């Protein structure tokens, strides 16, 4: 866990299930399932991608309905979603 000002950043790195919309060349998570909970995405705050050999990893950050900032990733090679980190105040 890291602290940045009054924010706490926790590295997770776990595989998760995500319900997402793929539209207009963008990926928008709508619900993620983690630790037995379903968390709705309220607002996407950022998108970026990274090439790793033949794989493209898409990263999406968003604010959940629980006011937590989430960063998730999606691999085009493995089709796996991961919860990378979360930030809480």
Protein backbone atom coordinates (compact mmCIF):
# COMPACT_ATOMS: atom_id res chain seq x y z
CA UNK A 1 0.00 0.00 0.00
CA UNK A 2 1.25 3.47 -0.90
CA UNK A 3 0.09 6.83 0.39
CA UNK A 4 -0.07 9.92 -1.77
CA UNK A 5 -1.28 12.88 0.25
CA UNK A 6 -4.51 11.70 1.81
CA UNK A 7 -4.99 8.94 -0.82
CA UNK A 8 -4.14 5.31 -0.22
CA UNK A 9 -3.05 3.35 -3.31
CA UNK A 10 -3.27 -0.45 -3.09
CA UNK A 11 -1.65 -2.68 -5.72
CA UNK A 12 -3.96 -5.65 -6.43
CA UNK A 13 -2.92 -7.46 -9.65
CA UNK A 14 -5.79 -10.00 -9.55
CA UNK A 15 -7.81 -11.50 -12.39
CA UNK A 16 -11.42 -10.29 -12.28
CA UNK A 17 -14.66 -10.48 -14.24
CA UNK A 18 -15.83 -7.34 -16.02
CA UNK A 19 -18.97 -6.44 -17.92
CA UNK A 20 -17.89 -3.86 -20.51
CA UNK A 21 -19.10 -2.04 -23.58
CA UNK A 22 -16.85 -2.03 -26.67
CA UNK A 23 -17.94 0.91 -28.84
CA UNK A 24 -16.30 3.44 -31.13
CA UNK A 25 -12.86 1.92 -30.56
CA UNK A 26 -13.13 2.38 -26.79
CA UNK A 27 -13.62 -0.06 -23.93
CA UNK A 28 -15.87 1.10 -21.09
CA UNK A 29 -16.25 -1.12 -18.03
CA UNK A 30 -19.75 -1.01 -16.57
CA UNK A 31 -19.50 -3.55 -13.72
CA UNK A 32 -16.54 -5.37 -12.20
CA UNK A 33 -16.78 -8.41 -9.93
CA UNK A 34 -14.12 -8.63 -7.24
CA UNK A 35 -14.06 -10.25 -3.80
CA UNK A 36 -17.66 -11.41 -4.17
CA UNK A 37 -18.89 -7.88 -4.90
CA UNK A 38 -20.30 -6.31 -8.04
CA UNK A 39 -19.11 -2.71 -8.39
CA UNK A 40 -20.66 -0.37 -10.94
CA UNK A 41 -18.44 2.07 -12.78
CA UNK A 42 -19.74 5.60 -12.38
CA UNK A 43 -17.26 7.61 -14.45
CA UNK A 44 -14.28 6.68 -16.64
CA UNK A 45 -11.35 8.95 -15.75
CA UNK A 46 -8.65 7.69 -18.13
CA UNK A 47 -7.71 5.28 -20.90
CA UNK A 48 -4.31 4.25 -22.27
CA UNK A 49 -2.70 1.22 -23.89
CA UNK A 50 0.64 -0.53 -23.89
CA UNK A 51 2.15 -2.93 -26.43
CA UNK A 52 3.88 -6.07 -25.08
CA UNK A 53 5.11 -8.03 -28.07
CA UNK A 54 2.02 -9.33 -29.87
CA UNK A 55 -0.26 -8.30 -26.99
CA UNK A 56 -1.95 -4.96 -26.47
CA UNK A 57 -2.96 -4.17 -22.90
CA UNK A 58 -5.74 -1.61 -22.50
CA UNK A 59 -5.87 0.24 -19.18
CA UNK A 60 -8.98 1.99 -17.94
CA UNK A 61 -9.32 3.99 -14.74
CA UNK A 62 -12.70 4.88 -13.33
CA UNK A 63 -14.58 5.93 -10.23
CA UNK A 64 -16.84 3.22 -8.85
CA UNK A 65 -20.26 3.76 -7.29
CA UNK A 66 -18.44 3.34 -3.95
CA UNK A 67 -16.29 6.46 -4.68
CA UNK A 68 -13.13 4.33 -5.04
CA UNK A 69 -10.81 4.89 -8.02
CA UNK A 70 -10.13 1.64 -9.88
CA UNK A 71 -7.54 0.81 -12.54
CA UNK A 72 -8.25 -2.28 -14.61
CA UNK A 73 -6.50 -3.81 -17.62
CA UNK A 74 -7.63 -5.95 -20.53
CA UNK A 75 -5.29 -8.15 -22.59
CA UNK A 76 -6.18 -8.61 -26.26
CA UNK A 77 -4.06 -11.78 -26.37
CA UNK A 78 -5.44 -13.62 -23.34
CA UNK A 79 -8.81 -11.77 -23.12
CA UNK A 80 -8.23 -11.51 -19.35
CA UNK A 81 -9.29 -8.58 -17.20
CA UNK A 82 -7.17 -7.65 -14.16
CA UNK A 83 -7.73 -5.27 -11.29
CA UNK A 84 -4.36 -3.52 -11.17
CA UNK A 85 -4.84 -1.08 -8.29
CA UNK A 86 -7.34 0.98 -6.40
CA UNK A 87 -7.17 4.32 -4.67
CA UNK A 88 -9.18 5.38 -1.66
CA UNK A 89 -9.32 8.65 0.22
